[in-house]
Amino acid sequence: MRAVVLEEKGGPEVLRIRDDIPDPVAGPEEVVVEIVSSAVNRADLLQRMGLYPGPPMRHEIPGLEYAGRVVAVGERVASTGVGDAVMGIANGGCYAEQIAVHERQTMTVPAELDLADAGAFPEVFITAWDALVRQGGLTSGRWALVHAGASGVGTAAIQIAKSLGARIAVTASGGKHEVCRSLGADIVIDYRQDDFADAVLAATDGDGVDVVLDVIGGDYLPDNVRAVRVGGRIIQVGVMAGGPVPFDPGSLLMKRAALIGTTLRARPIEERIAITREFAAQMLPRVVDGSLSPVVDSRFPLDDVAAAHQRMGDNANAGKIVLQIWS
């Protein structure tokens, strides 16, 4: 099969396509999916640069999400059949024509979601839902603050919050504000010009938000603590800003707030299966009713994967960058 293989680390130019990668074989509880679409995630760029190791595999193939059709099933597979349209997350291997995954880590693609778009759905929606709802406790009437509101995770978070009846403030660069507003963001803050903590405190009558979802890290942390309400939660799902910064832990104590670091890739498969099943039960009906859908910024064929990485590296995207693999 054809796949993108990392044989060295560096810039987008190290992404090479090989056509001699062995086809995956389904284990007893696995299915083989012929991938129609995948998508570029920030973790893929970090893996390419050698900053976020992927799982051990014979050939290092990046890619954390997929959508496609089942072409083979293992002997103990009970709930999925050949020809089914499925999507899901994986530890890696999704920049390829096929992937073998545990059957319970697949989700049925609703008829309302085209397979060409579905590859851009699982990673960011599960990440945003797990951070905001499962770990952050977001419910109707509460407030969330989400950084990088026009990113894949950000656009998913806005839709999830609004579908729950929650209110949401986001940060984004000026040129991406309209995307956030069109999805229902209550407040859009230009992080280059405005103090986001001041803005959310003003909007919440000084109380602060119930949960912060942060993919930036760095010097955002002190202001995240200032923006969160007493007893609130800050969920750290990324560190795009990089290294450590001075931080007074006493400010967190005074808020009686929780700072929680999280990632999907590092969790054992049993936990990832449980999250997938819970998400499918609670949130896929919201795809059917039109509340949730991936925001697609651009599409690239697999042959142009380096250009897709470059677009994300330039922070030019608003929404997801789709990799089209099969039609």
C-alpha atoms as a PDB file:
ATOM      1  CA  MET A   1       0.000   0.000   0.000  1.00  0.00           C
ATOM      2  CA  ARG A   2       0.964   3.669  -0.257  1.00  0.00           C
ATOM      3  CA  ALA A   3       1.785   5.543   2.935  1.00  0.00           C
ATOM      4  CA  VAL A   4       3.665   8.546   4.224  1.00  0.00           C
ATOM      5  CA  VAL A   5       6.735   7.311   6.079  1.00  0.00           C
ATOM      6  CA  LEU A   6       9.045   9.221   8.406  1.00  0.00           C
ATOM      7  CA  GLU A   7      12.581   7.967   7.788  1.00  0.00           C
ATOM      8  CA  GLU A   8      14.177  11.077   9.301  1.00  0.00           C
ATOM      9  CA  LYS A   9      13.023  14.074  11.310  1.00  0.00           C
ATOM     10  CA  GLY A  10      12.837  17.677  10.186  1.00  0.00           C
ATOM     11  CA  GLY A  11      10.737  20.006   8.063  1.00  0.00           C
ATOM     12  CA  PRO A  12       7.858  19.113   5.723  1.00  0.00           C
ATOM     13  CA  GLU A  13      10.375  17.944   3.115  1.00  0.00           C
ATOM     14  CA  VAL A  14      11.122  14.782   5.151  1.00  0.00           C
ATOM     15  CA  LEU A  15       7.585  13.458   4.512  1.00  0.00           C
ATOM     16  CA  ARG A  16       8.049  10.782   1.881  1.00  0.00           C
ATOM     17  CA  ILE A  17       5.485   8.547   0.214  1.00  0.00           C
ATOM     18  CA  ARG A  18       6.318   4.895  -0.304  1.00  0.00           C
ATOM     19  CA  ASP A  19       4.246   2.390  -2.242  1.00  0.00           C
ATOM     20  CA  ASP A  20       5.871  -0.778  -0.887  1.00  0.00           C
ATOM     21  CA  ILE A  21       4.445  -0.791   2.653  1.00  0.00           C
ATOM     22  CA  PRO A  22       2.838  -4.157   3.500  1.00  0.00           C
ATOM     23  CA  ASP A  23      -0.943  -4.148   3.760  1.00  0.00           C
ATOM     24  CA  PRO A  24      -2.124  -4.424   7.384  1.00  0.00           C
ATOM     25  CA  VAL A  25      -3.681  -7.691   8.572  1.00  0.00           C
ATOM     26  CA  ALA A  26      -6.594  -7.738  10.991  1.00  0.00           C
ATOM     27  CA  GLY A  27      -6.001  -9.313  14.379  1.00  0.00           C
ATOM     28  CA  PRO A  28      -8.782 -11.362  15.986  1.00  0.00           C
ATOM     29  CA  GLU A  29     -10.629  -8.267  17.301  1.00  0.00           C
ATOM     30  CA  GLU A  30      -9.500  -5.830  14.604  1.00  0.00           C
ATOM     31  CA  VAL A  31     -10.832  -4.537  11.326  1.00  0.00           C
ATOM     32  CA  VAL A  32      -8.872  -3.270   8.335  1.00  0.00           C
ATOM     33  CA  VAL A  33     -10.140   0.079   7.061  1.00  0.00           C
ATOM     34  CA  GLU A  34      -9.490   1.407   3.569  1.00  0.00           C
ATOM     35  CA  ILE A  35      -8.955   5.073   4.416  1.00  0.00           C
ATOM     36  CA  VAL A  36     -10.849   7.662   2.380  1.00  0.00           C
ATOM     37  CA  SER A  37      -9.722  10.690   4.388  1.00  0.00           C
ATOM     38  CA  SER A  38      -7.458  11.652   7.247  1.00  0.00           C
ATOM     39  CA  ALA A  39      -6.390  15.060   8.532  1.00  0.00           C
ATOM     40  CA  VAL A  40      -3.345  16.957   9.723  1.00  0.00           C
ATOM     41  CA  ASN A  41      -3.049  17.601  13.450  1.00  0.00           C
ATOM     42  CA  ARG A  42      -0.500  19.633  15.391  1.00  0.00           C
ATOM     43  CA  ALA A  43       0.816  16.415  16.933  1.00  0.00           C
ATOM     44  CA  ASP A  44       1.756  15.193  13.445  1.00  0.00           C
ATOM     45  CA  LEU A  45       4.008  18.231  12.962  1.00  0.00           C
ATOM     46  CA  LEU A  46       5.655  17.640  16.337  1.00  0.00           C
ATOM     47  CA  GLN A  47       6.193  13.970  15.500  1.00  0.00           C
ATOM     48  CA  ARG A  48       7.732  14.920  12.149  1.00  0.00           C
ATOM     49  CA  MET A  49      10.158  17.247  13.955  1.00  0.00           C
ATOM     50  CA  GLY A  50      11.110  14.575  16.495  1.00  0.00           C
ATOM     51  CA  LEU A  51       9.362  16.304  19.404  1.00  0.00           C
ATOM     52  CA  TYR A  52       6.454  13.899  19.986  1.00  0.00           C
ATOM     53  CA  PRO A  53       7.371  10.232  19.510  1.00  0.00           C
ATOM     54  CA  GLY A  54       4.846   7.991  17.838  1.00  0.00           C
ATOM     55  CA  PRO A  55       4.141   4.380  18.807  1.00  0.00           C
ATOM     56  CA  PRO A  56       6.625   1.652  17.868  1.00  0.00           C
ATOM     57  CA  MET A  57       5.960   0.421  14.346  1.00  0.00           C
ATOM     58  CA  ARG A  58       7.984  -1.194  11.582  1.00  0.00           C
ATOM     59  CA  HIS A  59       7.514   1.870   9.385  1.00  0.00           C
ATOM     60  CA  GLU A  60       6.803   5.169  11.170  1.00  0.00           C
ATOM     61  CA  ILE A  61       3.580   6.385   9.586  1.00  0.00           C
ATOM     62  CA  PRO A  62       2.044   9.524  11.144  1.00  0.00           C
ATOM     63  CA  GLY A  63      -1.658  10.342  11.323  1.00  0.00           C
ATOM     64  CA  LEU A  64      -4.070  10.193  14.262  1.00  0.00           C
ATOM     65  CA  GLU A  65      -7.513   9.913  12.642  1.00  0.00           C
ATOM     66  CA  TYR A  66      -9.195   8.179   9.753  1.00  0.00           C
ATOM     67  CA  ALA A  67     -12.467   7.595   7.971  1.00  0.00           C
ATOM     68  CA  GLY A  68     -13.149   4.914   5.394  1.00  0.00           C
ATOM     69  CA  ARG A  69     -14.694   1.549   4.627  1.00  0.00           C
ATOM     70  CA  VAL A  70     -14.031  -1.783   6.303  1.00  0.00           C
ATOM     71  CA  VAL A  71     -12.378  -4.239   3.901  1.00  0.00           C
ATOM     72  CA  ALA A  72     -11.493  -7.103   6.284  1.00  0.00           C
ATOM     73  CA  VAL A  73     -12.484  -8.271   9.783  1.00  0.00           C
ATOM     74  CA  GLY A  74     -10.853 -10.473  12.414  1.00  0.00           C
ATOM     75  CA  GLU A  75     -12.324 -13.781  13.528  1.00  0.00           C
ATOM     76  CA  ARG A  76     -13.787 -12.405  16.781  1.00  0.00           C
ATOM     77  CA  VAL A  77     -15.210  -9.171  15.351  1.00  0.00           C
ATOM     78  CA  ALA A  78     -18.928  -9.036  16.109  1.00  0.00           C
ATOM     79  CA  SER A  79     -20.224  -5.520  15.555  1.00  0.00           C
ATOM     80  CA  THR A  80     -18.622  -4.404  12.282  1.00  0.00           C
ATOM     81  CA  GLY A  81     -18.805  -5.880   8.796  1.00  0.00           C
ATOM     82  CA  VAL A  82     -17.071  -5.514   5.460  1.00  0.00           C
ATOM     83  CA  GLY A  83     -18.339  -2.425   3.663  1.00  0.00           C
ATOM     84  CA  ASP A  84     -19.268  -0.475   6.805  1.00  0.00           C
ATOM     85  CA  ALA A  85     -18.334   3.203   6.848  1.00  0.00           C
ATOM     86  CA  VAL A  86     -16.327   3.916  10.004  1.00  0.00           C
ATOM     87  CA  MET A  87     -14.090   6.552  11.539  1.00  0.00           C
ATOM     88  CA  GLY A  88     -11.933   6.847  14.622  1.00  0.00           C
ATOM     89  CA  ILE A  89      -8.680   7.788  16.280  1.00  0.00           C
ATOM     90  CA  ALA A  90      -5.430   5.827  16.306  1.00  0.00           C
ATOM     91  CA  ASN A  91      -1.975   6.223  17.839  1.00  0.00           C
ATOM     92  CA  GLY A  92      -0.529   6.632  14.366  1.00  0.00           C
ATOM     93  CA  GLY A  93      -0.594   5.097  10.912  1.00  0.00           C
ATOM     94  CA  CYS A  94      -3.444   7.094   9.349  1.00  0.00           C
ATOM     95  CA  TYR A  95      -1.426   8.719   6.544  1.00  0.00           C
ATOM     96  CA  ALA A  96      -1.867   5.495   4.606  1.00  0.00           C
ATOM     97  CA  GLU A  97      -4.264   3.695   2.301  1.00  0.00           C
ATOM     98  CA  GLN A  98      -5.221   1.181   4.997  1.00  0.00           C
ATOM     99  CA  ILE A  99      -5.046   0.730   8.753  1.00  0.00           C
ATOM    100  CA  ALA A 100      -5.875  -2.091  11.183  1.00  0.00           C
ATOM    101  CA  VAL A 101      -7.706  -0.971  14.336  1.00  0.00           C
ATOM    102  CA  HIS A 102      -9.630  -2.557  17.197  1.00  0.00           C
ATOM    103  CA  GLU A 103     -13.291  -2.818  16.192  1.00  0.00           C
ATOM    104  CA  ARG A 104     -14.453  -0.997  19.340  1.00  0.00           C
ATOM    105  CA  GLN A 105     -12.269   1.979  18.503  1.00  0.00           C
ATOM    106  CA  THR A 106     -14.327   2.553  15.373  1.00  0.00           C
ATOM    107  CA  MET A 107     -17.454   4.677  15.172  1.00  0.00           C
ATOM    108  CA  THR A 108     -20.131   4.375  12.514  1.00  0.00           C
ATOM    109  CA  VAL A 109     -20.046   7.393  10.197  1.00  0.00           C
ATOM    110  CA  PRO A 110     -23.516   8.970  10.205  1.00  0.00           C
ATOM    111  CA  ALA A 111     -25.128   9.305   6.791  1.00  0.00           C
ATOM    112  CA  GLU A 112     -25.134  13.079   7.326  1.00  0.00           C
ATOM    113  CA  LEU A 113     -21.308  13.142   7.342  1.00  0.00           C
ATOM    114  CA  ASP A 114     -19.512  12.560   4.039  1.00  0.00           C
ATOM    115  CA  LEU A 115     -16.529  10.202   4.208  1.00  0.00           C
ATOM    116  CA  ALA A 116     -14.424  12.859   2.493  1.00  0.00           C
ATOM    117  CA  ASP A 117     -14.986  15.072   5.576  1.00  0.00           C
ATOM    118  CA  ALA A 118     -15.259  12.404   8.269  1.00  0.00           C
ATOM    119  CA  GLY A 119     -11.494  11.942   8.524  1.00  0.00           C
ATOM    120  CA  ALA A 120     -11.341  15.459   9.967  1.00  0.00           C
ATOM    121  CA  PHE A 121     -13.854  14.694  12.729  1.00  0.00           C
ATOM    122  CA  PRO A 122     -12.670  12.156  15.350  1.00  0.00           C
ATOM    123  CA  GLU A 123      -9.442  13.570  16.783  1.00  0.00           C
ATOM    124  CA  VAL A 124     -10.519  17.134  17.448  1.00  0.00           C
ATOM    125  CA  PHE A 125     -14.086  16.407  18.514  1.00  0.00           C
ATOM    126  CA  ILE A 126     -13.080  13.643  20.922  1.00  0.00           C
ATOM    127  CA  THR A 127     -10.232  15.801  22.264  1.00  0.00           C
ATOM    128  CA  ALA A 128     -12.494  18.832  22.790  1.00  0.00           C
ATOM    129  CA  TRP A 129     -15.324  16.779  24.312  1.00  0.00           C
ATOM    130  CA  ASP A 130     -13.001  14.856  26.634  1.00  0.00           C
ATOM    131  CA  ALA A 131     -11.370  18.108  27.817  1.00  0.00           C
ATOM    132  CA  LEU A 132     -14.472  20.276  28.167  1.00  0.00           C
ATOM    133  CA  VAL A 133     -17.077  17.743  29.282  1.00  0.00           C
ATOM    134  CA  ARG A 134     -15.490  14.612  30.765  1.00  0.00           C
ATOM    135  CA  GLN A 135     -12.638  16.370  32.541  1.00  0.00           C
ATOM    136  CA  GLY A 136     -13.809  19.972  32.634  1.00  0.00           C
ATOM    137  CA  GLY A 137     -17.410  19.328  33.696  1.00  0.00           C
ATOM    138  CA  LEU A 138     -18.917  21.776  31.190  1.00  0.00           C
ATOM    139  CA  THR A 139     -22.724  21.755  31.226  1.00  0.00           C
ATOM    140  CA  SER A 140     -25.578  23.979  30.164  1.00  0.00           C
ATOM    141  CA  GLY A 141     -25.317  27.527  31.485  1.00  0.00           C
ATOM    142  CA  ARG A 142     -21.626  27.339  32.326  1.00  0.00           C
ATOM    143  CA  TRP A 143     -18.769  29.257  30.702  1.00  0.00           C
ATOM    144  CA  ALA A 144     -15.742  27.918  28.810  1.00  0.00           C
ATOM    145  CA  LEU A 145     -12.645  29.704  27.533  1.00  0.00           C
ATOM    146  CA  VAL A 146     -10.936  28.033  24.586  1.00  0.00           C
ATOM    147  CA  HIS A 147      -7.672  29.191  23.088  1.00  0.00           C
ATOM    148  CA  ALA A 148      -6.941  28.952  19.347  1.00  0.00           C
ATOM    149  CA  GLY A 149     -10.651  29.121  18.626  1.00  0.00           C
ATOM    150  CA  ALA A 150     -10.207  28.768  14.850  1.00  0.00           C
ATOM    151  CA  SER A 151      -8.075  25.626  15.123  1.00  0.00           C
ATOM    152  CA  GLY A 152      -9.503  22.157  14.627  1.00  0.00           C
ATOM    153  CA  VAL A 153      -9.914  21.643  18.382  1.00  0.00           C
ATOM    154  CA  GLY A 154     -11.210  25.200  18.773  1.00  0.00           C
ATOM    155  CA  THR A 155     -13.901  24.924  16.109  1.00  0.00           C
ATOM    156  CA  ALA A 156     -14.975  21.572  17.566  1.00  0.00           C
ATOM    157  CA  ALA A 157     -15.054  23.026  21.087  1.00  0.00           C
ATOM    158  CA  ILE A 158     -17.300  25.923  20.052  1.00  0.00           C
ATOM    159  CA  GLN A 159     -19.837  23.552  18.503  1.00  0.00           C
ATOM    160  CA  ILE A 160     -19.796  21.178  21.470  1.00  0.00           C
ATOM    161  CA  ALA A 161     -20.247  24.004  23.979  1.00  0.00           C
ATOM    162  CA  LYS A 162     -23.164  25.525  22.067  1.00  0.00           C
ATOM    163  CA  SER A 163     -24.831  22.130  21.581  1.00  0.00           C
ATOM    164  CA  LEU A 164     -24.757  21.699  25.369  1.00  0.00           C
ATOM    165  CA  GLY A 165     -26.256  25.114  26.017  1.00  0.00           C
ATOM    166  CA  ALA A 166     -23.002  26.467  27.474  1.00  0.00           C
ATOM    167  CA  ARG A 167     -21.415  29.841  26.757  1.00  0.00           C
ATOM    168  CA  ILE A 168     -17.949  30.125  25.268  1.00  0.00           C
ATOM    169  CA  ALA A 169     -15.214  32.700  24.829  1.00  0.00           C
ATOM    170  CA  VAL A 170     -12.364  32.020  22.417  1.00  0.00           C
ATOM    171  CA  THR A 171      -9.081  33.629  21.491  1.00  0.00           C
ATOM    172  CA  ALA A 172      -8.060  33.926  17.830  1.00  0.00           C
ATOM    173  CA  SER A 173      -6.109  36.191  15.500  1.00  0.00           C
ATOM    174  CA  GLY A 174      -8.113  38.974  13.908  1.00  0.00           C
ATOM    175  CA  GLY A 175      -8.526  37.344  10.499  1.00  0.00           C
ATOM    176  CA  LYS A 176     -10.157  34.260  12.006  1.00  0.00           C
ATOM    177  CA  HIS A 177     -12.813  35.899  14.168  1.00  0.00           C
ATOM    178  CA  GLU A 178     -15.658  35.474  11.703  1.00  0.00           C
ATOM    179  CA  VAL A 179     -15.192  31.690  11.592  1.00  0.00           C
ATOM    180  CA  CYS A 180     -15.520  31.554  15.379  1.00  0.00           C
ATOM    181  CA  ARG A 181     -18.558  33.826  15.450  1.00  0.00           C
ATOM    182  CA  SER A 182     -20.279  31.863  12.689  1.00  0.00           C
ATOM    183  CA  LEU A 183     -20.036  28.733  14.852  1.00  0.00           C
ATOM    184  CA  GLY A 184     -21.666  30.489  17.804  1.00  0.00           C
ATOM    185  CA  ALA A 185     -18.803  31.784  19.966  1.00  0.00           C
ATOM    186  CA  ASP A 186     -20.235  34.275  22.466  1.00  0.00           C
ATOM    187  CA  ILE A 187     -17.008  36.257  22.782  1.00  0.00           C
ATOM    188  CA  VAL A 188     -14.069  36.338  20.346  1.00  0.00           C
ATOM    189  CA  ILE A 189     -10.875  37.900  21.700  1.00  0.00           C
ATOM    190  CA  ASP A 190      -7.936  39.052  19.583  1.00  0.00           C
ATOM    191  CA  TYR A 191      -5.038  37.649  21.588  1.00  0.00           C
ATOM    192  CA  ARG A 192      -2.604  39.979  19.819  1.00  0.00           C
ATOM    193  CA  GLN A 193      -4.353  43.126  21.035  1.00  0.00           C
ATOM    194  CA  ASP A 194      -6.522  42.323  24.048  1.00  0.00           C
ATOM    195  CA  ASP A 195      -6.023  40.813  27.493  1.00  0.00           C
ATOM    196  CA  PHE A 196      -8.135  37.665  27.383  1.00  0.00           C
ATOM    197  CA  ALA A 197      -8.408  37.336  31.145  1.00  0.00           C
ATOM    198  CA  ASP A 198      -9.761  40.878  31.445  1.00  0.00           C
ATOM    199  CA  ALA A 199     -12.249  40.178  28.653  1.00  0.00           C
ATOM    200  CA  VAL A 200     -13.696  37.013  30.213  1.00  0.00           C
ATOM    201  CA  LEU A 201     -13.828  38.541  33.686  1.00  0.00           C
ATOM    202  CA  ALA A 202     -15.797  41.453  32.264  1.00  0.00           C
ATOM    203  CA  ALA A 203     -18.190  39.083  30.483  1.00  0.00           C
ATOM    204  CA  THR A 204     -18.755  36.959  33.596  1.00  0.00           C
ATOM    205  CA  ASP A 205     -19.216  39.833  36.075  1.00  0.00           C
ATOM    206  CA  GLY A 206     -15.841  39.060  37.619  1.00  0.00           C
ATOM    207  CA  ASP A 207     -16.591  35.396  38.318  1.00  0.00           C
ATOM    208  CA  GLY A 208     -14.423  33.848  35.599  1.00  0.00           C
ATOM    209  CA  VAL A 209     -15.068  30.782  33.449  1.00  0.00           C
ATOM    210  CA  ASP A 210     -15.809  27.280  34.672  1.00  0.00           C
ATOM    211  CA  VAL A 211     -13.314  25.556  32.388  1.00  0.00           C
ATOM    212  CA  VAL A 212     -10.353  26.610  30.231  1.00  0.00           C
ATOM    213  CA  LEU A 213      -9.218  24.477  27.300  1.00  0.00           C
ATOM    214  CA  ASP A 214      -5.672  25.491  26.397  1.00  0.00           C
ATOM    215  CA  VAL A 215      -3.547  24.219  23.504  1.00  0.00           C
ATOM    216  CA  ILE A 216      -0.998  27.046  23.798  1.00  0.00           C
ATOM    217  CA  GLY A 217       0.645  26.801  27.217  1.00  0.00           C
ATOM    218  CA  GLY A 218       3.685  28.969  27.910  1.00  0.00           C
ATOM    219  CA  ASP A 219       2.896  32.346  29.439  1.00  0.00           C
ATOM    220  CA  TYR A 220      -0.865  31.763  29.023  1.00  0.00           C
ATOM    221  CA  LEU A 221      -0.913  29.855  32.315  1.00  0.00           C
ATOM    222  CA  PRO A 222      -0.921  32.786  34.764  1.00  0.00           C
ATOM    223  CA  ASP A 223      -3.732  34.495  32.840  1.00  0.00           C
ATOM    224  CA  ASN A 224      -5.646  31.214  32.575  1.00  0.00           C
ATOM    225  CA  VAL A 225      -5.594  31.059  36.379  1.00  0.00           C
ATOM    226  CA  ARG A 226      -6.768  34.660  36.537  1.00  0.00           C
ATOM    227  CA  ALA A 227      -9.592  33.887  34.082  1.00  0.00           C
ATOM    228  CA  VAL A 228     -10.894  30.714  35.763  1.00  0.00           C
ATOM    229  CA  ARG A 229     -13.502  30.907  38.489  1.00  0.00           C
ATOM    230  CA  VAL A 230     -13.101  29.607  42.029  1.00  0.00           C
ATOM    231  CA  GLY A 231     -13.224  25.821  41.833  1.00  0.00           C
ATOM    232  CA  GLY A 232     -12.804  25.831  38.058  1.00  0.00           C
ATOM    233  CA  ARG A 233     -10.596  23.660  35.899  1.00  0.00           C
ATOM    234  CA  ILE A 234      -7.847  24.367  33.387  1.00  0.00           C
ATOM    235  CA  ILE A 235      -7.365  21.518  30.920  1.00  0.00           C
ATOM    236  CA  GLN A 236      -3.973  21.641  29.170  1.00  0.00           C
ATOM    237  CA  VAL A 237      -4.109  19.674  25.896  1.00  0.00           C
ATOM    238  CA  GLY A 238      -1.146  21.217  24.091  1.00  0.00           C
ATOM    239  CA  VAL A 239       1.914  23.435  24.499  1.00  0.00           C
ATOM    240  CA  MET A 240       2.278  25.226  21.170  1.00  0.00           C
ATOM    241  CA  ALA A 241       4.088  28.099  22.907  1.00  0.00           C
ATOM    242  CA  GLY A 242       6.794  25.739  24.151  1.00  0.00           C
ATOM    243  CA  GLY A 243       8.992  25.931  27.222  1.00  0.00           C
ATOM    244  CA  PRO A 244       8.494  26.610  30.928  1.00  0.00           C
ATOM    245  CA  VAL A 245       7.501  29.996  32.300  1.00  0.00           C
ATOM    246  CA  PRO A 246       7.583  31.470  35.823  1.00  0.00           C
ATOM    247  CA  PHE A 247       4.378  30.627  37.659  1.00  0.00           C
ATOM    248  CA  ASP A 248       3.155  31.285  41.188  1.00  0.00           C
ATOM    249  CA  PRO A 249       1.310  28.152  42.370  1.00  0.00           C
ATOM    250  CA  GLY A 250      -0.244  30.217  45.130  1.00  0.00           C
ATOM    251  CA  SER A 251      -2.544  31.819  42.563  1.00  0.00           C
ATOM    252  CA  LEU A 252      -3.943  28.366  41.783  1.00  0.00           C
ATOM    253  CA  LEU A 253      -4.421  27.593  45.470  1.00  0.00           C
ATOM    254  CA  MET A 254      -6.374  30.779  46.087  1.00  0.00           C
ATOM    255  CA  LYS A 255      -8.763  29.799  43.291  1.00  0.00           C
ATOM    256  CA  ARG A 256      -9.027  26.202  44.580  1.00  0.00           C
ATOM    257  CA  ALA A 257      -8.752  25.399  40.890  1.00  0.00           C
ATOM    258  CA  ALA A 258      -7.419  22.299  39.145  1.00  0.00           C
ATOM    259  CA  LEU A 259      -4.762  22.245  36.428  1.00  0.00           C
ATOM    260  CA  ILE A 260      -5.070  19.023  34.425  1.00  0.00           C
ATOM    261  CA  GLY A 261      -2.706  17.865  31.698  1.00  0.00           C
ATOM    262  CA  THR A 262      -4.069  15.410  29.164  1.00  0.00           C
ATOM    263  CA  THR A 263      -3.362  13.666  25.875  1.00  0.00           C
ATOM    264  CA  LEU A 264      -5.210  10.916  24.031  1.00  0.00           C
ATOM    265  CA  ARG A 265      -2.221   9.139  22.488  1.00  0.00           C
ATOM    266  CA  ALA A 266      -0.570   8.194  25.791  1.00  0.00           C
ATOM    267  CA  ARG A 267      -3.633   6.432  27.214  1.00  0.00           C
ATOM    268  CA  PRO A 268      -3.936   2.635  27.200  1.00  0.00           C
ATOM    269  CA  ILE A 269      -6.130   1.162  24.500  1.00  0.00           C
ATOM    270  CA  GLU A 270      -8.815   0.157  27.014  1.00  0.00           C
ATOM    271  CA  GLU A 271      -9.267   3.784  28.006  1.00  0.00           C
ATOM    272  CA  ARG A 272      -9.277   5.005  24.409  1.00  0.00           C
ATOM    273  CA  ILE A 273     -11.946   2.423  23.579  1.00  0.00           C
ATOM    274  CA  ALA A 274     -14.063   3.557  26.537  1.00  0.00           C
ATOM    275  CA  ILE A 275     -13.753   7.206  25.502  1.00  0.00           C
ATOM    276  CA  THR A 276     -14.664   6.375  21.906  1.00  0.00           C
ATOM    277  CA  ARG A 277     -17.750   4.407  22.918  1.00  0.00           C
ATOM    278  CA  GLU A 278     -18.922   7.099  25.349  1.00  0.00           C
ATOM    279  CA  PHE A 279     -18.365   9.843  22.786  1.00  0.00           C
ATOM    280  CA  ALA A 280     -20.232   7.893  20.102  1.00  0.00           C
ATOM    281  CA  ALA A 281     -23.230   7.379  22.378  1.00  0.00           C
ATOM    282  CA  GLN A 282     -23.426  10.979  23.591  1.00  0.00           C
ATOM    283  CA  MET A 283     -22.260  13.075  20.667  1.00  0.00           C
ATOM    284  CA  LEU A 284     -22.843  11.313  17.325  1.00  0.00           C
ATOM    285  CA  PRO A 285     -26.608  12.040  17.573  1.00  0.00           C
ATOM    286  CA  ARG A 286     -25.581  15.707  17.452  1.00  0.00           C
ATOM    287  CA  VAL A 287     -23.972  15.072  14.073  1.00  0.00           C
ATOM    288  CA  VAL A 288     -27.278  13.653  12.861  1.00  0.00           C
ATOM    289  CA  ASP A 289     -29.226  16.718  14.014  1.00  0.00           C
ATOM    290  CA  GLY A 290     -26.685  19.080  12.469  1.00  0.00           C
ATOM    291  CA  SER A 291     -25.194  20.467  15.700  1.00  0.00           C
ATOM    292  CA  LEU A 292     -21.692  19.120  15.029  1.00  0.00           C
ATOM    293  CA  SER A 293     -19.678  18.960  11.820  1.00  0.00           C
ATOM    294  CA  PRO A 294     -16.010  19.381  10.975  1.00  0.00           C
ATOM    295  CA  VAL A 295     -14.916  22.785   9.718  1.00  0.00           C
ATOM    296  CA  VAL A 296     -12.756  22.072   6.669  1.00  0.00           C
ATOM    297  CA  ASP A 297     -10.152  24.694   5.837  1.00  0.00           C
ATOM    298  CA  SER A 298      -8.556  22.984   2.859  1.00  0.00           C
ATOM    299  CA  ARG A 299      -7.993  19.626   1.183  1.00  0.00           C
ATOM    300  CA  PHE A 300      -4.763  18.072  -0.058  1.00  0.00           C
ATOM    301  CA  PRO A 301      -4.157  14.785  -1.852  1.00  0.00           C
ATOM    302  CA  LEU A 302      -1.756  12.457  -0.078  1.00  0.00           C
ATOM    303  CA  ASP A 303       0.943  13.363  -2.607  1.00  0.00           C
ATOM    304  CA  ASP A 304       0.825  16.967  -1.325  1.00  0.00           C
ATOM    305  CA  VAL A 305       1.177  16.090   2.361  1.00  0.00           C
ATOM    306  CA  ALA A 306       4.238  18.347   2.706  1.00  0.00           C
ATOM    307  CA  ALA A 307       2.197  21.351   1.542  1.00  0.00           C
ATOM    308  CA  ALA A 308      -0.535  20.424   4.029  1.00  0.00           C
ATOM    309  CA  HIS A 309       2.027  20.396   6.860  1.00  0.00           C
ATOM    310  CA  GLN A 310       3.419  23.709   5.680  1.00  0.00           C
ATOM    311  CA  ARG A 311      -0.033  25.304   5.789  1.00  0.00           C
ATOM    312  CA  MET A 312      -0.538  24.228   9.392  1.00  0.00           C
ATOM    313  CA  GLY A 313       3.014  25.216  10.310  1.00  0.00           C
ATOM    314  CA  ASP A 314       2.302  28.701   8.964  1.00  0.00           C
ATOM    315  CA  ASN A 315      -0.872  28.881  11.119  1.00  0.00           C
ATOM    316  CA  ALA A 316      -2.750  29.736   7.927  1.00  0.00           C
ATOM    317  CA  ASN A 317      -5.671  27.377   8.511  1.00  0.00           C
ATOM    318  CA  ALA A 318      -9.044  28.075  10.070  1.00  0.00           C
ATOM    319  CA  GLY A 319     -10.447  24.617  10.770  1.00  0.00           C
ATOM    320  CA  LYS A 320      -9.145  21.275   9.599  1.00  0.00           C
ATOM    321  CA  ILE A 321      -6.684  20.405   6.860  1.00  0.00           C
ATOM    322  CA  VAL A 322      -7.957  17.238   5.188  1.00  0.00           C
ATOM    323  CA  LEU A 323      -5.791  14.602   3.526  1.00  0.00           C
ATOM    324  CA  GLN A 324      -7.718  12.892   0.735  1.00  0.00           C
ATOM    325  CA  ILE A 325      -6.477   9.331   0.307  1.00  0.00           C
ATOM    326  CA  TRP A 326      -9.166   7.326  -1.542  1.00  0.00           C
ATOM    327  CA  SER A 327     -12.253   8.629  -3.318  1.00  0.00           C
END
